[in-house]
Amino acid sequence: MDWFLQLFLAAFIAFLIAFRAYRKKSLSTSGAVAGFFVMALHFFVGYRFGVMLLAFFYSSSTLTKVGEDTKRVLDPEFKEGGQRNWIQVLANSGIASILVIAIWVLTEGQDKCLNSKDSPLITVLIGGVIGHYSCCNGDTWSSELGILSDEKPRLITTFKFVRKGTNGAVTKRGLLAAAAAGSVIGVSFVLIGLSATPCEGEGSTVLKQLLVIPIATLAGLCGSVIDSLLGATLQFSGLCSIRRKIVGKPGPTVKKISGLNILDNNAVNFVSILLTSFFTSIACLYIF
């Protein structure tokens, strides 16, 4: 009965969120369908995972809509309301979803704290989910706020000034935003975890959970840096002489600025998430 009730609540919450996001144009039709299944899965396995996903989704969706007039001019792929389709939803939640399923199978549905002495594998998997959403949030906040900064961006590999919208370009404001975004994920995990997840062992085990906040903050910053490095080297950026905009594909009217045409934006996000999740997992294993 508890299992059925948890599944019902997870599906109900996911439906309300996905439907509202679709109405607000934060998700396309395919994005809303994919988002429903992803959110239902996260909430079913544990409220901490669902809340981290919501912290990322709502904060990033809100910031996407900030300064839309400016972004419309700078971004050739600008979408009204920042609509995300199913590919973008899975690119930003696929790895975490696999980790969450593994956690559910290994714990047999029991919620566990970060404790490498008691369960090192579970600690690694939970750390991966934390790193995943810290990276996603950090990259989004950095991009959405950095492009609105008055500061001229620099290419992360050469530190030369480049036009706004160039892949791999960073600003101080963008990097600070990435760190702040990671901290939001850490705080959401800790607040829900301390109230809903009992920790076995000494009191120090409970207090140690607070270290998730600085870990997630660092993961948000590192994830953004990794994303920028990949964007500057393996993702093409050029200036279209006709549209006068930065574009992500070479062409006869495009003057190259940086990068190789190997990865697109979704691939860059996927690789940066994968690496950040791995590094965060290792950090959690040794710290907790």
C-alpha atoms as a PDB file:
ATOM      1  CA  MET A   1       0.000   0.000   0.000  1.00  0.00           C
ATOM      2  CA  ASP A   2       2.827   2.387   0.859  1.00  0.00           C
ATOM      3  CA  TRP A   3       4.483   1.558  -2.454  1.00  0.00           C
ATOM      4  CA  PHE A   4       1.258   2.245  -4.360  1.00  0.00           C
ATOM      5  CA  LEU A   5       0.635   5.509  -2.511  1.00  0.00           C
ATOM      6  CA  GLN A   6       4.189   6.705  -3.172  1.00  0.00           C
ATOM      7  CA  LEU A   7       3.813   5.911  -6.858  1.00  0.00           C
ATOM      8  CA  PHE A   8       0.452   7.705  -7.023  1.00  0.00           C
ATOM      9  CA  LEU A   9       1.838  10.820  -5.311  1.00  0.00           C
ATOM     10  CA  ALA A  10       4.904  10.833  -7.562  1.00  0.00           C
ATOM     11  CA  ALA A  11       2.771  10.598 -10.709  1.00  0.00           C
ATOM     12  CA  PHE A  12       0.343  13.241  -9.449  1.00  0.00           C
ATOM     13  CA  ILE A  13       3.103  15.728  -8.613  1.00  0.00           C
ATOM     14  CA  ALA A  14       4.881  15.046 -11.910  1.00  0.00           C
ATOM     15  CA  PHE A  15       1.680  15.556 -13.896  1.00  0.00           C
ATOM     16  CA  LEU A  16       0.937  18.914 -12.263  1.00  0.00           C
ATOM     17  CA  ILE A  17       4.466  20.174 -12.846  1.00  0.00           C
ATOM     18  CA  ALA A  18       4.726  18.924 -16.438  1.00  0.00           C
ATOM     19  CA  PHE A  19       1.301  20.299 -17.366  1.00  0.00           C
ATOM     20  CA  ARG A  20       2.059  23.710 -15.842  1.00  0.00           C
ATOM     21  CA  ALA A  21       5.468  23.815 -17.573  1.00  0.00           C
ATOM     22  CA  TYR A  22       3.774  23.054 -20.885  1.00  0.00           C
ATOM     23  CA  ARG A  23       1.224  25.824 -20.337  1.00  0.00           C
ATOM     24  CA  LYS A  24       4.024  28.257 -19.435  1.00  0.00           C
ATOM     25  CA  LYS A  25       5.964  27.224 -22.583  1.00  0.00           C
ATOM     26  CA  SER A  26       8.906  25.997 -20.535  1.00  0.00           C
ATOM     27  CA  LEU A  27       8.458  22.548 -22.108  1.00  0.00           C
ATOM     28  CA  SER A  28       7.297  21.517 -25.561  1.00  0.00           C
ATOM     29  CA  THR A  29       4.785  18.680 -25.940  1.00  0.00           C
ATOM     30  CA  SER A  30       7.524  16.060 -26.193  1.00  0.00           C
ATOM     31  CA  GLY A  31       9.417  17.754 -23.370  1.00  0.00           C
ATOM     32  CA  ALA A  32       6.358  17.656 -21.118  1.00  0.00           C
ATOM     33  CA  VAL A  33       5.851  13.929 -21.749  1.00  0.00           C
ATOM     34  CA  ALA A  34       9.510  13.146 -21.073  1.00  0.00           C
ATOM     35  CA  GLY A  35       9.508  15.489 -18.088  1.00  0.00           C
ATOM     36  CA  PHE A  36       6.504  13.715 -16.572  1.00  0.00           C
ATOM     37  CA  PHE A  37       8.225  10.324 -16.573  1.00  0.00           C
ATOM     38  CA  VAL A  38      11.536  11.728 -15.315  1.00  0.00           C
ATOM     39  CA  MET A  39       9.924  13.682 -12.474  1.00  0.00           C
ATOM     40  CA  ALA A  40       7.667  10.782 -11.485  1.00  0.00           C
ATOM     41  CA  LEU A  41      10.707   8.509 -11.304  1.00  0.00           C
ATOM     42  CA  HIS A  42      12.681  10.935  -9.134  1.00  0.00           C
ATOM     43  CA  PHE A  43       9.859  11.552  -6.672  1.00  0.00           C
ATOM     44  CA  PHE A  44       9.040   7.856  -6.487  1.00  0.00           C
ATOM     45  CA  VAL A  45      12.598   6.884  -5.527  1.00  0.00           C
ATOM     46  CA  GLY A  46      13.068   9.718  -3.015  1.00  0.00           C
ATOM     47  CA  TYR A  47      11.829  13.215  -2.331  1.00  0.00           C
ATOM     48  CA  ARG A  48      15.415  14.505  -2.172  1.00  0.00           C
ATOM     49  CA  PHE A  49      15.938  13.571  -5.810  1.00  0.00           C
ATOM     50  CA  GLY A  50      12.618  15.054  -6.878  1.00  0.00           C
ATOM     51  CA  VAL A  51      13.299  18.325  -5.083  1.00  0.00           C
ATOM     52  CA  MET A  52      16.778  18.629  -6.603  1.00  0.00           C
ATOM     53  CA  LEU A  53      15.242  18.155 -10.042  1.00  0.00           C
ATOM     54  CA  LEU A  54      12.607  20.800  -9.296  1.00  0.00           C
ATOM     55  CA  ALA A  55      15.217  23.224  -7.947  1.00  0.00           C
ATOM     56  CA  PHE A  56      17.098  22.893 -11.223  1.00  0.00           C
ATOM     57  CA  PHE A  57      14.035  23.021 -13.459  1.00  0.00           C
ATOM     58  CA  TYR A  58      12.250  25.969 -11.870  1.00  0.00           C
ATOM     59  CA  SER A  59      15.319  28.123 -11.289  1.00  0.00           C
ATOM     60  CA  SER A  60      16.713  27.514 -14.782  1.00  0.00           C
ATOM     61  CA  SER A  61      13.320  28.014 -16.462  1.00  0.00           C
ATOM     62  CA  THR A  62      12.845  31.299 -14.606  1.00  0.00           C
ATOM     63  CA  LEU A  63      16.281  32.598 -15.576  1.00  0.00           C
ATOM     64  CA  THR A  64      15.766  31.527 -19.197  1.00  0.00           C
ATOM     65  CA  LYS A  65      12.922  34.026 -19.415  1.00  0.00           C
ATOM     66  CA  VAL A  66      14.966  36.881 -17.911  1.00  0.00           C
ATOM     67  CA  GLY A  67      16.194  39.353 -20.536  1.00  0.00           C
ATOM     68  CA  GLU A  68      14.456  37.602 -23.430  1.00  0.00           C
ATOM     69  CA  ASP A  69      14.728  40.636 -25.715  1.00  0.00           C
ATOM     70  CA  THR A  70      18.513  40.676 -25.362  1.00  0.00           C
ATOM     71  CA  LYS A  71      18.820  36.920 -25.792  1.00  0.00           C
ATOM     72  CA  ARG A  72      16.593  37.008 -28.871  1.00  0.00           C
ATOM     73  CA  VAL A  73      19.127  39.288 -30.554  1.00  0.00           C
ATOM     74  CA  LEU A  74      22.213  37.324 -29.509  1.00  0.00           C
ATOM     75  CA  ASP A  75      21.034  33.722 -29.759  1.00  0.00           C
ATOM     76  CA  PRO A  76      20.119  32.362 -33.227  1.00  0.00           C
ATOM     77  CA  GLU A  77      18.446  29.337 -31.606  1.00  0.00           C
ATOM     78  CA  PHE A  78      16.379  31.407 -29.171  1.00  0.00           C
ATOM     79  CA  LYS A  79      12.990  29.901 -28.290  1.00  0.00           C
ATOM     80  CA  GLU A  80      10.159  31.829 -26.720  1.00  0.00           C
ATOM     81  CA  GLY A  81      10.008  30.859 -23.048  1.00  0.00           C
ATOM     82  CA  GLY A  82      13.051  28.622 -23.513  1.00  0.00           C
ATOM     83  CA  GLN A  83      10.938  25.616 -24.526  1.00  0.00           C
ATOM     84  CA  ARG A  84      12.800  22.360 -23.912  1.00  0.00           C
ATOM     85  CA  ASN A  85      12.003  19.298 -26.017  1.00  0.00           C
ATOM     86  CA  TRP A  86      12.425  15.640 -25.038  1.00  0.00           C
ATOM     87  CA  ILE A  87      16.049  15.571 -26.198  1.00  0.00           C
ATOM     88  CA  GLN A  88      16.968  18.480 -23.939  1.00  0.00           C
ATOM     89  CA  VAL A  89      15.009  16.981 -21.048  1.00  0.00           C
ATOM     90  CA  LEU A  90      16.847  13.676 -21.322  1.00  0.00           C
ATOM     91  CA  ALA A  91      20.200  15.393 -21.892  1.00  0.00           C
ATOM     92  CA  ASN A  92      19.704  17.203 -18.589  1.00  0.00           C
ATOM     93  CA  SER A  93      18.252  14.288 -16.623  1.00  0.00           C
ATOM     94  CA  GLY A  94      19.204  11.031 -18.338  1.00  0.00           C
ATOM     95  CA  ILE A  95      22.325  10.232 -16.313  1.00  0.00           C
ATOM     96  CA  ALA A  96      20.627  11.147 -13.036  1.00  0.00           C
ATOM     97  CA  SER A  97      17.630   8.976 -13.942  1.00  0.00           C
ATOM     98  CA  ILE A  98      19.877   5.942 -14.462  1.00  0.00           C
ATOM     99  CA  LEU A  99      21.610   6.611 -11.126  1.00  0.00           C
ATOM    100  CA  VAL A 100      18.278   7.035  -9.359  1.00  0.00           C
ATOM    101  CA  ILE A 101      17.032   3.680 -10.706  1.00  0.00           C
ATOM    102  CA  ALA A 102      20.257   2.018  -9.509  1.00  0.00           C
ATOM    103  CA  ILE A 103      19.795   3.563  -6.055  1.00  0.00           C
ATOM    104  CA  TRP A 104      16.216   2.270  -5.868  1.00  0.00           C
ATOM    105  CA  VAL A 105      17.239  -1.258  -6.848  1.00  0.00           C
ATOM    106  CA  LEU A 106      20.214  -1.452  -4.483  1.00  0.00           C
ATOM    107  CA  THR A 107      18.435   0.086  -1.473  1.00  0.00           C
ATOM    108  CA  GLU A 108      15.182  -1.808  -2.122  1.00  0.00           C
ATOM    109  CA  GLY A 109      13.310   1.480  -1.925  1.00  0.00           C
ATOM    110  CA  GLN A 110      14.857   2.648   1.369  1.00  0.00           C
ATOM    111  CA  ASP A 111      16.150   6.206   1.638  1.00  0.00           C
ATOM    112  CA  LYS A 112      19.744   6.383   2.876  1.00  0.00           C
ATOM    113  CA  CYS A 113      22.104   9.153   3.967  1.00  0.00           C
ATOM    114  CA  LEU A 114      25.538   9.782   2.555  1.00  0.00           C
ATOM    115  CA  ASN A 115      27.750   7.432   4.561  1.00  0.00           C
ATOM    116  CA  SER A 116      30.635   5.667   2.831  1.00  0.00           C
ATOM    117  CA  LYS A 117      31.333   3.454   5.866  1.00  0.00           C
ATOM    118  CA  ASP A 118      27.817   2.054   5.830  1.00  0.00           C
ATOM    119  CA  SER A 119      27.149   2.002   2.080  1.00  0.00           C
ATOM    120  CA  PRO A 120      29.986   3.252  -0.162  1.00  0.00           C
ATOM    121  CA  LEU A 121      28.244   2.359  -3.431  1.00  0.00           C
ATOM    122  CA  ILE A 122      25.033   4.183  -2.482  1.00  0.00           C
ATOM    123  CA  THR A 123      27.097   7.194  -1.395  1.00  0.00           C
ATOM    124  CA  VAL A 124      28.821   7.229  -4.794  1.00  0.00           C
ATOM    125  CA  LEU A 125      25.509   7.003  -6.644  1.00  0.00           C
ATOM    126  CA  ILE A 126      23.842   9.747  -4.599  1.00  0.00           C
ATOM    127  CA  GLY A 127      26.938  11.898  -5.075  1.00  0.00           C
ATOM    128  CA  GLY A 128      26.568  11.405  -8.804  1.00  0.00           C
ATOM    129  CA  VAL A 129      22.999  12.706  -8.739  1.00  0.00           C
ATOM    130  CA  ILE A 130      24.075  15.744  -6.713  1.00  0.00           C
ATOM    131  CA  GLY A 131      26.895  16.446  -9.165  1.00  0.00           C
ATOM    132  CA  HIS A 132      24.539  15.971 -12.087  1.00  0.00           C
ATOM    133  CA  TYR A 133      22.037  18.637 -11.084  1.00  0.00           C
ATOM    134  CA  SER A 134      24.693  20.979  -9.712  1.00  0.00           C
ATOM    135  CA  CYS A 135      26.356  20.889 -13.129  1.00  0.00           C
ATOM    136  CA  CYS A 136      23.063  21.362 -15.013  1.00  0.00           C
ATOM    137  CA  ASN A 137      22.020  24.259 -12.828  1.00  0.00           C
ATOM    138  CA  GLY A 138      25.470  25.822 -12.866  1.00  0.00           C
ATOM    139  CA  ASP A 139      25.724  25.700 -16.645  1.00  0.00           C
ATOM    140  CA  THR A 140      22.234  27.159 -17.102  1.00  0.00           C
ATOM    141  CA  TRP A 141      22.640  29.977 -14.581  1.00  0.00           C
ATOM    142  CA  SER A 142      26.057  30.816 -15.999  1.00  0.00           C
ATOM    143  CA  SER A 143      24.761  30.975 -19.568  1.00  0.00           C
ATOM    144  CA  GLU A 144      21.503  32.793 -18.853  1.00  0.00           C
ATOM    145  CA  LEU A 145      23.006  35.438 -16.558  1.00  0.00           C
ATOM    146  CA  GLY A 146      26.434  35.671 -18.137  1.00  0.00           C
ATOM    147  CA  ILE A 147      25.041  36.701 -21.526  1.00  0.00           C
ATOM    148  CA  LEU A 148      23.224  39.601 -19.825  1.00  0.00           C
ATOM    149  CA  SER A 149      26.359  40.862 -18.100  1.00  0.00           C
ATOM    150  CA  ASP A 150      27.830  44.226 -19.111  1.00  0.00           C
ATOM    151  CA  GLU A 151      31.236  42.574 -18.841  1.00  0.00           C
ATOM    152  CA  LYS A 152      32.787  41.506 -22.139  1.00  0.00           C
ATOM    153  CA  PRO A 153      33.303  37.719 -22.138  1.00  0.00           C
ATOM    154  CA  ARG A 154      36.633  36.000 -22.626  1.00  0.00           C
ATOM    155  CA  LEU A 155      37.261  32.665 -24.322  1.00  0.00           C
ATOM    156  CA  ILE A 156      38.225  30.286 -21.509  1.00  0.00           C
ATOM    157  CA  THR A 157      41.108  28.709 -23.451  1.00  0.00           C
ATOM    158  CA  THR A 158      42.885  31.897 -24.576  1.00  0.00           C
ATOM    159  CA  PHE A 159      41.329  34.590 -22.340  1.00  0.00           C
ATOM    160  CA  LYS A 160      40.845  36.733 -25.427  1.00  0.00           C
ATOM    161  CA  PHE A 161      37.740  38.921 -25.636  1.00  0.00           C
ATOM    162  CA  VAL A 162      35.009  37.416 -27.822  1.00  0.00           C
ATOM    163  CA  ARG A 163      31.436  38.257 -28.752  1.00  0.00           C
ATOM    164  CA  LYS A 164      28.597  37.334 -26.440  1.00  0.00           C
ATOM    165  CA  GLY A 165      27.101  33.962 -27.288  1.00  0.00           C
ATOM    166  CA  THR A 166      30.426  32.391 -28.254  1.00  0.00           C
ATOM    167  CA  ASN A 167      30.727  28.816 -26.991  1.00  0.00           C
ATOM    168  CA  GLY A 168      33.333  28.615 -24.239  1.00  0.00           C
ATOM    169  CA  ALA A 169      33.131  32.308 -23.370  1.00  0.00           C
ATOM    170  CA  VAL A 170      33.048  33.128 -19.643  1.00  0.00           C
ATOM    171  CA  THR A 171      32.507  36.144 -17.400  1.00  0.00           C
ATOM    172  CA  LYS A 172      33.058  36.671 -13.685  1.00  0.00           C
ATOM    173  CA  ARG A 173      29.321  37.102 -13.258  1.00  0.00           C
ATOM    174  CA  GLY A 174      28.662  33.846 -15.075  1.00  0.00           C
ATOM    175  CA  LEU A 175      31.132  31.874 -12.941  1.00  0.00           C
ATOM    176  CA  LEU A 176      29.694  33.296  -9.719  1.00  0.00           C
ATOM    177  CA  ALA A 177      26.221  32.413 -10.966  1.00  0.00           C
ATOM    178  CA  ALA A 178      27.350  28.821 -11.586  1.00  0.00           C
ATOM    179  CA  ALA A 179      28.616  28.491  -8.022  1.00  0.00           C
ATOM    180  CA  ALA A 180      25.394  29.984  -6.650  1.00  0.00           C
ATOM    181  CA  ALA A 181      23.354  27.570  -8.772  1.00  0.00           C
ATOM    182  CA  GLY A 182      25.240  24.616  -7.333  1.00  0.00           C
ATOM    183  CA  SER A 183      24.623  25.826  -3.804  1.00  0.00           C
ATOM    184  CA  VAL A 184      20.870  25.909  -4.500  1.00  0.00           C
ATOM    185  CA  ILE A 185      21.004  22.206  -5.374  1.00  0.00           C
ATOM    186  CA  GLY A 186      23.021  21.466  -2.230  1.00  0.00           C
ATOM    187  CA  VAL A 187      20.630  23.388   0.023  1.00  0.00           C
ATOM    188  CA  SER A 188      17.573  21.683  -1.480  1.00  0.00           C
ATOM    189  CA  PHE A 189      19.148  18.249  -0.907  1.00  0.00           C
ATOM    190  CA  VAL A 190      20.120  19.025   2.681  1.00  0.00           C
ATOM    191  CA  LEU A 191      16.815  20.608   3.709  1.00  0.00           C
ATOM    192  CA  ILE A 192      14.719  17.722   2.440  1.00  0.00           C
ATOM    193  CA  GLY A 193      17.256  15.120   3.569  1.00  0.00           C
ATOM    194  CA  LEU A 194      17.451  16.333   7.175  1.00  0.00           C
ATOM    195  CA  SER A 195      13.680  16.404   7.485  1.00  0.00           C
ATOM    196  CA  ALA A 196      12.754  13.245   5.576  1.00  0.00           C
ATOM    197  CA  THR A 197      15.783  10.921   5.632  1.00  0.00           C
ATOM    198  CA  PRO A 198      16.849   9.383   8.960  1.00  0.00           C
ATOM    199  CA  CYS A 199      20.598   8.894   9.305  1.00  0.00           C
ATOM    200  CA  GLU A 200      21.932   5.865  11.118  1.00  0.00           C
ATOM    201  CA  GLY A 201      25.029   6.195  13.278  1.00  0.00           C
ATOM    202  CA  GLU A 202      26.565   9.012  15.299  1.00  0.00           C
ATOM    203  CA  GLY A 203      25.496  12.642  15.282  1.00  0.00           C
ATOM    204  CA  SER A 204      28.542  13.503  13.195  1.00  0.00           C
ATOM    205  CA  THR A 205      26.989  11.537  10.323  1.00  0.00           C
ATOM    206  CA  VAL A 206      23.986  13.860  10.369  1.00  0.00           C
ATOM    207  CA  LEU A 207      26.115  17.015  10.579  1.00  0.00           C
ATOM    208  CA  LYS A 208      28.308  15.777   7.745  1.00  0.00           C
ATOM    209  CA  GLN A 209      25.302  15.972   5.415  1.00  0.00           C
ATOM    210  CA  LEU A 210      25.719  19.766   5.544  1.00  0.00           C
ATOM    211  CA  LEU A 211      28.949  19.370   3.576  1.00  0.00           C
ATOM    212  CA  VAL A 212      26.774  18.644   0.540  1.00  0.00           C
ATOM    213  CA  ILE A 213      26.256  22.415   0.199  1.00  0.00           C
ATOM    214  CA  PRO A 214      29.922  23.370  -0.432  1.00  0.00           C
ATOM    215  CA  ILE A 215      30.407  20.215  -2.520  1.00  0.00           C
ATOM    216  CA  ALA A 216      27.441  21.097  -4.727  1.00  0.00           C
ATOM    217  CA  THR A 217      28.632  24.715  -4.947  1.00  0.00           C
ATOM    218  CA  LEU A 218      32.014  23.548  -6.225  1.00  0.00           C
ATOM    219  CA  ALA A 219      30.336  21.064  -8.566  1.00  0.00           C
ATOM    220  CA  GLY A 220      28.222  23.856 -10.071  1.00  0.00           C
ATOM    221  CA  LEU A 221      31.336  25.938 -10.724  1.00  0.00           C
ATOM    222  CA  CYS A 222      33.434  23.041 -12.028  1.00  0.00           C
ATOM    223  CA  GLY A 223      30.610  21.824 -14.236  1.00  0.00           C
ATOM    224  CA  SER A 224      30.342  25.240 -15.848  1.00  0.00           C
ATOM    225  CA  VAL A 225      34.111  25.391 -16.392  1.00  0.00           C
ATOM    226  CA  ILE A 226      34.169  21.907 -17.957  1.00  0.00           C
ATOM    227  CA  ASP A 227      31.251  22.861 -20.187  1.00  0.00           C
ATOM    228  CA  SER A 228      33.075  26.017 -21.277  1.00  0.00           C
ATOM    229  CA  LEU A 229      36.298  24.125 -22.020  1.00  0.00           C
ATOM    230  CA  LEU A 230      34.413  21.629 -24.176  1.00  0.00           C
ATOM    231  CA  GLY A 231      32.504  24.432 -25.869  1.00  0.00           C
ATOM    232  CA  ALA A 232      35.671  26.322 -26.703  1.00  0.00           C
ATOM    233  CA  THR A 233      37.481  23.311 -28.156  1.00  0.00           C
ATOM    234  CA  LEU A 234      35.034  20.714 -29.490  1.00  0.00           C
ATOM    235  CA  GLN A 235      32.045  22.927 -30.336  1.00  0.00           C
ATOM    236  CA  PHE A 236      32.145  25.282 -33.311  1.00  0.00           C
ATOM    237  CA  SER A 237      31.519  29.004 -32.967  1.00  0.00           C
ATOM    238  CA  GLY A 238      31.473  31.444 -35.857  1.00  0.00           C
ATOM    239  CA  LEU A 239      30.102  34.832 -36.839  1.00  0.00           C
ATOM    240  CA  CYS A 240      27.544  34.855 -39.630  1.00  0.00           C
ATOM    241  CA  SER A 241      28.181  37.902 -41.849  1.00  0.00           C
ATOM    242  CA  ILE A 242      24.548  38.019 -42.988  1.00  0.00           C
ATOM    243  CA  ARG A 243      22.691  37.478 -39.722  1.00  0.00           C
ATOM    244  CA  ARG A 244      25.401  39.185 -37.640  1.00  0.00           C
ATOM    245  CA  LYS A 245      24.971  36.519 -35.001  1.00  0.00           C
ATOM    246  CA  ILE A 246      27.116  33.818 -33.434  1.00  0.00           C
ATOM    247  CA  VAL A 247      26.226  30.447 -34.961  1.00  0.00           C
ATOM    248  CA  GLY A 248      27.192  26.892 -34.110  1.00  0.00           C
ATOM    249  CA  LYS A 249      27.773  25.484 -37.589  1.00  0.00           C
ATOM    250  CA  PRO A 250      30.324  26.389 -40.299  1.00  0.00           C
ATOM    251  CA  GLY A 251      29.132  27.782 -43.620  1.00  0.00           C
ATOM    252  CA  PRO A 252      30.133  29.978 -46.589  1.00  0.00           C
ATOM    253  CA  THR A 253      29.034  33.160 -44.793  1.00  0.00           C
ATOM    254  CA  VAL A 254      30.442  32.144 -41.397  1.00  0.00           C
ATOM    255  CA  LYS A 255      33.816  33.305 -40.065  1.00  0.00           C
ATOM    256  CA  LYS A 256      35.233  30.888 -37.521  1.00  0.00           C
ATOM    257  CA  ILE A 257      35.884  32.150 -34.003  1.00  0.00           C
ATOM    258  CA  SER A 258      36.804  28.978 -32.128  1.00  0.00           C
ATOM    259  CA  GLY A 259      36.321  25.251 -31.725  1.00  0.00           C
ATOM    260  CA  LEU A 260      35.852  22.198 -33.907  1.00  0.00           C
ATOM    261  CA  ASN A 261      32.543  21.011 -35.300  1.00  0.00           C
ATOM    262  CA  ILE A 262      32.559  17.759 -33.291  1.00  0.00           C
ATOM    263  CA  LEU A 263      29.988  18.208 -30.511  1.00  0.00           C
ATOM    264  CA  ASP A 264      26.710  20.103 -30.486  1.00  0.00           C
ATOM    265  CA  ASN A 265      25.302  21.835 -27.419  1.00  0.00           C
ATOM    266  CA  ASN A 266      23.442  18.754 -26.138  1.00  0.00           C
ATOM    267  CA  ALA A 267      26.557  16.604 -26.474  1.00  0.00           C
ATOM    268  CA  VAL A 268      28.674  19.172 -24.633  1.00  0.00           C
ATOM    269  CA  ASN A 269      26.113  19.251 -21.823  1.00  0.00           C
ATOM    270  CA  PHE A 270      26.049  15.457 -21.645  1.00  0.00           C
ATOM    271  CA  VAL A 271      29.840  15.099 -21.395  1.00  0.00           C
ATOM    272  CA  SER A 272      30.201  17.890 -18.820  1.00  0.00           C
ATOM    273  CA  ILE A 273      27.412  16.355 -16.719  1.00  0.00           C
ATOM    274  CA  LEU A 274      29.035  12.913 -16.941  1.00  0.00           C
ATOM    275  CA  LEU A 275      32.436  14.225 -15.822  1.00  0.00           C
ATOM    276  CA  THR A 276      31.032  16.408 -13.042  1.00  0.00           C
ATOM    277  CA  SER A 277      28.888  13.535 -11.746  1.00  0.00           C
ATOM    278  CA  PHE A 278      31.965  11.291 -11.652  1.00  0.00           C
ATOM    279  CA  PHE A 279      34.142  13.810  -9.800  1.00  0.00           C
ATOM    280  CA  THR A 280      31.374  14.593  -7.314  1.00  0.00           C
ATOM    281  CA  SER A 281      30.858  10.873  -6.667  1.00  0.00           C
ATOM    282  CA  ILE A 282      34.535  10.441  -5.823  1.00  0.00           C
ATOM    283  CA  ALA A 283      34.460  13.513  -3.561  1.00  0.00           C
ATOM    284  CA  CYS A 284      31.440  12.179  -1.664  1.00  0.00           C
ATOM    285  CA  LEU A 285      33.065   8.772  -1.251  1.00  0.00           C
ATOM    286  CA  TYR A 286      36.104  10.270   0.464  1.00  0.00           C
ATOM    287  CA  ILE A 287      34.346  13.043   2.422  1.00  0.00           C
ATOM    288  CA  PHE A 288      31.407  11.057   3.759  1.00  0.00           C
END
